[in-house]
Amino acid sequence: MRLLVCGGAGFIGSTFVRLRVRQHGDTVTVLDKLTYAGRQENLHDVIDDIRFVHGAIEDPVAVADAVAGCDAIVNFAAETHVDRSISGPEAFIITNMQGTHVLLEAARERGLRYVQVSTDEVYGSIDEGSFTERSPLQPSSPYSATKTGADLLVASYFHTYGLPTVICRGSNNYGPYQYPEKLIPLMILNALAGDPLPVYGDGRNVRNWLFVEDFGAGIGQVLERGAPGEAYNCGGPDECENLTVVTRILELAGADHSLIEFVTDRPGHDRRYSLSSEKLRALGWQPRVHFEEGIERTVRWYRDNAWWWEPIRSGAYREYYERHYGRALKS
């Protein structure tokens, strides 16, 4: 296939690009704004095998340049960090909603298949059981609200214009190349450096963890076999409390549990996410990496790839961390 992958220099997007180039032989164009979390280093091992366009999805000129000659658009491009959406929601509205509109218009003008990469957070929190694709959308944060708005816009383009759109909603992803503002890489790098590990609230929030390569494969199934106008949940095989995740990271990093530091909870913090993936499994997908294997692989990758994270941890990320957590990184 000839794919335009928007946000392909980000964590999940770069994993998907690597999968499609290496395993499927696709011709890939990546469009990425290269914000703080989108880095060409994430594509270092496939950069010579793709076409890279530096630009924003909310820019129609950049999108028109990037989409030329493509058969389908897969949209990963988004502002994704809930904490940042609480302190500054405008960027999320621009990228997640306006940018999606620009991409949909480009797809409509050219009759392209369109895949929207979304999140379990559009459903809100669930105490028991799991969300299905028929569950109501009840976002809790500016981030999830903008992703919900984008999903609804995507669905409207199918119903109104007949555009062959599909949506894939993933549970919490983890793995190599994830920017360290997110829970797992943040805790890994702090544990390796001997810094305190800041845990929100009581640490009992539950997440449905999905190894990033499994999500990339799920999106590929939706791209190739998903029915136009449908949404598909892609959930991980294991649920864990955040505190359990942090404790296991400390064990794998060889760090002491005394580094755990409970901090004030995030406003509107969802208690539990859980996705039913039966609809996607019916297309032939299933997660292959359980959490114990995946977290071991992830900790090992960060330990072995300081070249990737040292420039982040020594740059603007340090300022963000101090501003957000009220303390500086020790090292």
Protein backbone atom coordinates (compact mmCIF):
# COMPACT_ATOMS: atom_id res chain seq x y z
CA MET A 1 0.00 0.00 0.00
CA ARG A 2 0.97 3.64 -0.38
CA LEU A 3 0.32 5.20 3.00
CA LEU A 4 0.39 8.69 4.42
CA VAL A 5 1.15 8.20 8.13
CA CYS A 6 0.48 11.41 10.03
CA GLY A 7 2.36 11.70 13.30
CA GLY A 8 4.66 8.94 12.12
CA ALA A 9 7.63 10.31 14.09
CA GLY A 10 5.82 9.84 17.40
CA PHE A 11 5.86 6.84 19.71
CA ILE A 12 3.03 4.73 18.29
CA GLY A 13 3.28 6.17 14.77
CA SER A 14 6.95 5.28 14.36
CA THR A 15 6.26 1.74 15.54
CA PHE A 16 3.51 1.42 12.94
CA VAL A 17 5.81 2.80 10.20
CA ARG A 18 8.50 0.30 11.11
CA LEU A 19 5.95 -2.53 10.99
CA ARG A 20 4.48 -1.53 7.63
CA VAL A 21 7.87 -0.99 5.94
CA ARG A 22 9.60 -4.09 7.27
CA GLN A 23 6.79 -6.65 7.35
CA HIS A 24 4.42 -5.43 4.63
CA GLY A 25 6.69 -3.62 2.19
CA ASP A 26 4.43 -0.56 2.06
CA THR A 27 5.48 2.73 0.52
CA VAL A 28 5.22 5.20 3.40
CA THR A 29 5.17 8.98 3.57
CA VAL A 30 5.41 10.40 7.09
CA LEU A 31 3.95 13.83 7.86
CA ASP A 32 5.04 15.11 11.26
CA LYS A 33 5.29 18.52 12.92
CA LEU A 34 8.20 17.31 15.10
CA THR A 35 6.88 18.69 18.36
CA TYR A 36 8.64 17.81 21.62
CA ALA A 37 7.37 14.20 21.43
CA GLY A 38 7.75 13.71 17.66
CA ARG A 39 11.39 13.05 16.80
CA GLN A 40 13.14 11.81 13.70
CA GLU A 41 15.31 9.72 16.04
CA ASN A 42 12.25 7.51 16.46
CA LEU A 43 12.59 6.58 12.78
CA HIS A 44 16.40 6.28 12.71
CA ASP A 45 16.40 2.70 11.43
CA VAL A 46 13.85 3.24 8.61
CA ILE A 47 14.40 6.90 7.69
CA ASP A 48 16.10 5.92 4.41
CA ASP A 49 13.14 3.73 3.45
CA ILE A 50 10.41 6.38 3.73
CA ARG A 51 9.54 9.84 2.49
CA PHE A 52 9.50 12.38 5.32
CA VAL A 53 7.54 15.65 5.17
CA HIS A 54 7.96 18.16 7.99
CA GLY A 55 4.59 19.79 8.53
CA ALA A 56 1.41 20.00 10.58
CA ILE A 57 -1.86 18.20 9.87
CA GLU A 58 -3.74 21.47 10.43
CA ASP A 59 -1.84 22.98 7.45
CA PRO A 60 -3.72 22.17 4.20
CA VAL A 61 -0.66 22.97 2.06
CA ALA A 62 1.58 20.55 3.95
CA VAL A 63 -1.13 17.88 3.84
CA ALA A 64 -1.64 18.30 0.08
CA ASP A 65 2.10 17.88 -0.49
CA ALA A 66 2.36 14.82 1.72
CA VAL A 67 -0.75 12.98 0.50
CA ALA A 68 0.17 13.08 -3.20
CA GLY A 69 0.21 9.55 -4.62
CA CYS A 70 -1.13 7.85 -1.49
CA ASP A 71 -3.95 5.29 -1.23
CA ALA A 72 -4.82 5.80 2.42
CA ILE A 73 -4.28 8.11 5.39
CA VAL A 74 -3.53 6.76 8.86
CA ASN A 75 -3.73 9.53 11.45
CA PHE A 76 -1.65 9.20 14.63
CA ALA A 77 -0.94 12.94 14.85
CA ALA A 78 -2.24 14.30 18.14
CA GLU A 79 -1.42 16.09 21.34
CA THR A 80 -1.80 13.22 23.81
CA HIS A 81 -0.71 14.03 27.34
CA VAL A 82 -3.64 14.57 29.71
CA ASP A 83 -1.63 16.71 32.13
CA ARG A 84 -0.65 19.12 29.36
CA SER A 85 -4.26 19.31 28.16
CA ILE A 86 -5.35 20.43 31.62
CA SER A 87 -2.82 23.26 31.74
CA GLY A 88 -3.11 24.26 28.06
CA PRO A 89 -6.04 22.80 26.06
CA GLU A 90 -5.78 25.08 23.01
CA ALA A 91 -3.03 23.08 21.30
CA PHE A 92 -5.17 19.95 21.66
CA ILE A 93 -8.13 21.62 19.97
CA ILE A 94 -5.98 22.81 17.06
CA THR A 95 -4.20 19.53 16.36
CA ASN A 96 -6.70 16.91 17.44
CA MET A 97 -9.83 18.51 15.98
CA GLN A 98 -8.86 21.09 13.35
CA GLY A 99 -6.06 18.87 12.08
CA THR A 100 -8.41 15.90 11.74
CA HIS A 101 -10.80 18.07 9.73
CA VAL A 102 -8.03 19.05 7.30
CA LEU A 103 -7.07 15.41 6.81
CA LEU A 104 -10.66 14.32 6.25
CA GLU A 105 -11.11 17.00 3.60
CA ALA A 106 -7.93 15.82 1.87
CA ALA A 107 -9.20 12.24 1.95
CA ARG A 108 -12.63 13.28 0.65
CA GLU A 109 -11.21 15.25 -2.25
CA ARG A 110 -9.15 12.24 -3.34
CA GLY A 111 -11.44 9.36 -2.35
CA LEU A 112 -8.92 7.83 0.06
CA ARG A 113 -9.43 5.32 2.85
CA TYR A 114 -8.98 7.01 6.22
CA VAL A 115 -7.96 5.45 9.55
CA GLN A 116 -8.29 7.49 12.76
CA VAL A 117 -6.13 6.30 15.66
CA SER A 118 -8.00 7.00 18.87
CA THR A 119 -7.98 6.10 22.56
CA ASP A 120 -9.94 4.26 25.24
CA GLU A 121 -10.16 7.57 27.11
CA VAL A 122 -13.07 8.67 24.91
CA TYR A 123 -15.27 6.30 26.95
CA GLY A 124 -14.31 7.76 30.33
CA SER A 125 -13.90 5.57 33.42
CA ILE A 126 -15.53 2.18 34.11
CA ASP A 127 -15.72 0.50 37.52
CA GLU A 128 -16.48 -3.03 36.30
CA GLY A 129 -16.51 -4.85 32.98
CA SER A 130 -15.15 -3.48 29.72
CA PHE A 131 -16.16 -0.88 27.18
CA THR A 132 -17.42 -2.07 23.80
CA GLU A 133 -17.69 -0.01 20.63
CA ARG A 134 -21.34 0.61 21.50
CA SER A 135 -20.53 2.19 24.87
CA PRO A 136 -21.38 5.91 25.18
CA LEU A 137 -18.55 8.38 24.73
CA GLN A 138 -17.99 10.24 28.01
CA PRO A 139 -14.59 11.97 27.94
CA SER A 140 -13.19 13.35 31.18
CA SER A 141 -10.29 15.63 30.14
CA PRO A 142 -9.64 18.24 27.45
CA TYR A 143 -7.43 15.64 25.76
CA SER A 144 -10.09 12.94 25.64
CA ALA A 145 -12.76 15.48 24.71
CA THR A 146 -10.80 16.57 21.63
CA LYS A 147 -10.20 12.95 20.65
CA THR A 148 -13.92 12.26 21.07
CA GLY A 149 -14.74 15.28 18.91
CA ALA A 150 -12.36 14.01 16.24
CA ASP A 151 -13.92 10.52 16.34
CA LEU A 152 -17.39 11.99 15.86
CA LEU A 153 -16.17 14.11 12.98
CA VAL A 154 -14.62 11.04 11.34
CA ALA A 155 -17.89 9.13 11.74
CA SER A 156 -19.81 12.04 10.24
CA TYR A 157 -17.68 11.97 7.08
CA PHE A 158 -18.69 8.35 6.54
CA HIS A 159 -22.39 9.00 7.13
CA THR A 160 -22.55 12.29 5.24
CA TYR A 161 -20.08 11.84 2.38
CA GLY A 162 -19.61 8.07 2.19
CA LEU A 163 -15.89 8.42 2.93
CA PRO A 164 -14.44 5.00 3.84
CA THR A 165 -13.36 5.85 7.38
CA VAL A 166 -12.50 3.52 10.25
CA ILE A 167 -11.52 4.23 13.86
CA CYS A 168 -9.17 2.19 16.05
CA ARG A 169 -9.25 2.93 19.79
CA GLY A 170 -6.29 1.66 21.78
CA SER A 171 -5.80 1.10 25.49
CA ASN A 172 -2.72 2.42 27.31
CA ASN A 173 0.34 1.77 25.18
CA TYR A 174 3.89 1.22 26.39
CA GLY A 175 7.20 0.19 24.87
CA PRO A 176 10.37 1.63 23.29
CA TYR A 177 10.54 5.24 22.05
CA GLN A 178 7.80 6.57 24.37
CA TYR A 179 8.40 10.14 25.56
CA PRO A 180 9.07 10.12 29.32
CA GLU A 181 6.17 12.31 30.40
CA LYS A 182 4.02 9.15 30.32
CA LEU A 183 3.85 6.84 33.34
CA ILE A 184 6.02 3.90 32.33
CA PRO A 185 9.00 5.67 30.68
CA LEU A 186 8.93 8.38 33.36
CA MET A 187 9.17 5.77 36.11
CA ILE A 188 11.84 3.77 34.28
CA LEU A 189 14.15 6.73 33.76
CA ASN A 190 13.66 8.03 37.29
CA ALA A 191 14.37 4.58 38.69
CA LEU A 192 17.53 4.22 36.61
CA ALA A 193 18.72 7.67 37.74
CA GLY A 194 17.77 7.25 41.40
CA ASP A 195 15.18 10.04 41.28
CA PRO A 196 11.87 9.83 43.19
CA LEU A 197 9.01 8.18 41.31
CA PRO A 198 5.93 10.47 41.55
CA VAL A 199 2.73 8.41 41.82
CA TYR A 200 -0.63 10.18 41.58
CA GLY A 201 -3.09 9.78 44.45
CA ASP A 202 -3.10 6.31 46.01
CA GLY A 203 -1.68 4.64 42.89
CA ARG A 204 -4.72 2.37 42.59
CA ASN A 205 -5.86 3.60 39.17
CA VAL A 206 -6.18 0.64 36.80
CA ARG A 207 -5.04 0.60 33.18
CA ASN A 208 -5.38 -1.98 30.42
CA TRP A 209 -1.77 -2.20 29.17
CA LEU A 210 -1.05 -2.83 25.47
CA PHE A 211 2.45 -3.34 24.07
CA VAL A 212 2.94 -0.84 21.27
CA GLU A 213 3.80 -3.44 18.61
CA ASP A 214 0.50 -5.20 19.29
CA PHE A 215 -1.35 -1.92 18.78
CA GLY A 216 0.51 -1.35 15.52
CA ALA A 217 -0.61 -4.77 14.32
CA GLY A 218 -4.19 -4.03 15.37
CA ILE A 219 -4.24 -0.78 13.44
CA GLY A 220 -2.89 -2.67 10.44
CA GLN A 221 -5.81 -5.10 10.63
CA VAL A 222 -8.27 -2.21 10.81
CA LEU A 223 -6.56 -0.55 7.84
CA GLU A 224 -6.73 -3.68 5.71
CA ARG A 225 -9.94 -5.38 6.88
CA GLY A 226 -12.00 -2.94 8.91
CA ALA A 227 -15.50 -2.19 7.64
CA PRO A 228 -16.02 1.44 6.56
CA GLY A 229 -17.91 3.47 9.13
CA GLU A 230 -16.97 1.18 12.02
CA ALA A 231 -14.89 1.62 15.17
CA TYR A 232 -12.71 -1.11 16.67
CA ASN A 233 -11.35 -1.37 20.20
CA CYS A 234 -7.78 -2.62 20.63
CA GLY A 235 -7.18 -3.54 24.27
CA GLY A 236 -4.22 -5.16 25.97
CA PRO A 237 -4.26 -8.62 27.56
CA ASP A 238 -3.56 -7.47 31.13
CA GLU A 239 -4.87 -4.92 33.63
CA CYS A 240 -2.67 -3.55 36.41
CA GLU A 241 -2.88 -0.88 39.06
CA ASN A 242 -0.40 1.93 38.54
CA LEU A 243 1.29 1.13 41.84
CA THR A 244 1.84 -2.46 40.73
CA VAL A 245 3.42 -1.21 37.51
CA VAL A 246 5.73 1.17 39.38
CA THR A 247 6.77 -1.53 41.85
CA ARG A 248 7.66 -3.94 39.05
CA ILE A 249 9.70 -1.25 37.28
CA LEU A 250 11.70 -0.66 40.47
CA GLU A 251 12.42 -4.39 40.72
CA LEU A 252 13.56 -4.62 37.10
CA ALA A 253 15.71 -1.49 37.44
CA GLY A 254 17.29 -2.73 40.66
CA ALA A 255 16.08 0.35 42.55
CA ASP A 256 14.65 0.67 46.07
CA HIS A 257 10.92 0.93 46.74
CA SER A 258 11.62 3.94 48.98
CA LEU A 259 11.89 6.00 45.77
CA ILE A 260 8.08 5.91 45.42
CA GLU A 261 6.65 9.34 46.23
CA PHE A 262 2.87 9.81 46.34
CA VAL A 263 1.84 13.20 44.94
CA THR A 264 -1.42 15.13 44.62
CA ASP A 265 -3.77 13.38 42.25
CA ARG A 266 -4.47 14.74 38.78
CA PRO A 267 -7.75 16.67 38.43
CA GLY A 268 -10.51 14.45 37.04
CA HIS A 269 -8.28 11.36 37.10
CA ASP A 270 -10.18 8.39 35.60
CA ARG A 271 -10.11 5.39 37.93
CA ARG A 272 -10.16 2.50 35.49
CA TYR A 273 -10.04 1.83 31.76
CA SER A 274 -10.87 -1.50 30.15
CA LEU A 275 -11.61 -2.40 26.54
CA SER A 276 -13.35 -5.38 24.98
CA SER A 277 -11.56 -6.24 21.72
CA GLU A 278 -13.83 -9.02 20.46
CA LYS A 279 -14.78 -7.07 17.35
CA LEU A 280 -11.14 -6.63 16.35
CA ARG A 281 -10.29 -10.22 17.26
CA ALA A 282 -12.92 -11.29 14.74
CA LEU A 283 -10.72 -9.71 12.05
CA GLY A 284 -7.86 -12.01 13.08
CA TRP A 285 -5.99 -9.83 15.58
CA GLN A 286 -4.89 -10.79 19.06
CA PRO A 287 -2.32 -9.31 21.46
CA ARG A 288 0.86 -11.35 21.61
CA VAL A 289 2.83 -9.65 24.39
CA HIS A 290 1.68 -10.00 28.00
CA PHE A 291 2.60 -7.28 30.44
CA GLU A 292 5.36 -9.16 32.26
CA GLU A 293 7.24 -9.81 29.02
CA GLY A 294 6.53 -6.34 27.66
CA ILE A 295 7.68 -4.44 30.74
CA GLU A 296 10.91 -6.45 30.88
CA ARG A 297 11.59 -5.64 27.22
CA THR A 298 10.75 -1.99 27.79
CA VAL A 299 12.98 -1.51 30.84
CA ARG A 300 15.82 -3.26 29.03
CA TRP A 301 15.39 -1.01 25.97
CA TYR A 302 15.60 2.19 28.02
CA ARG A 303 18.60 0.85 29.92
CA ASP A 304 20.40 0.04 26.66
CA ASN A 305 19.46 3.17 24.67
CA ALA A 306 20.62 6.18 26.65
CA TRP A 307 21.54 7.81 23.32
CA TRP A 308 17.81 8.21 22.70
CA TRP A 309 16.64 9.58 26.06
CA GLU A 310 19.64 11.53 27.39
CA PRO A 311 19.01 14.54 25.09
CA ILE A 312 15.37 14.60 26.27
CA ARG A 313 16.15 14.37 29.95
CA SER A 314 18.76 17.11 29.73
CA GLY A 315 16.61 19.53 27.70
CA ALA A 316 13.23 21.25 27.96
CA TYR A 317 11.76 18.15 29.59
CA ARG A 318 13.63 19.02 32.80
CA GLU A 319 11.89 22.39 32.91
CA TYR A 320 8.49 20.78 32.31
CA TYR A 321 9.12 18.18 35.02
CA GLU A 322 10.11 20.79 37.61
CA ARG A 323 7.13 22.99 36.75
CA HIS A 324 4.68 20.09 36.86
CA TYR A 325 5.95 18.16 39.90
CA GLY A 326 7.40 21.09 41.85
CA ARG A 327 10.85 19.57 42.14
CA ALA A 328 13.90 19.19 39.94
CA LEU A 329 15.35 15.95 38.66
CA LYS A 330 18.45 15.10 40.63
CA SER A 331 20.37 13.77 37.69
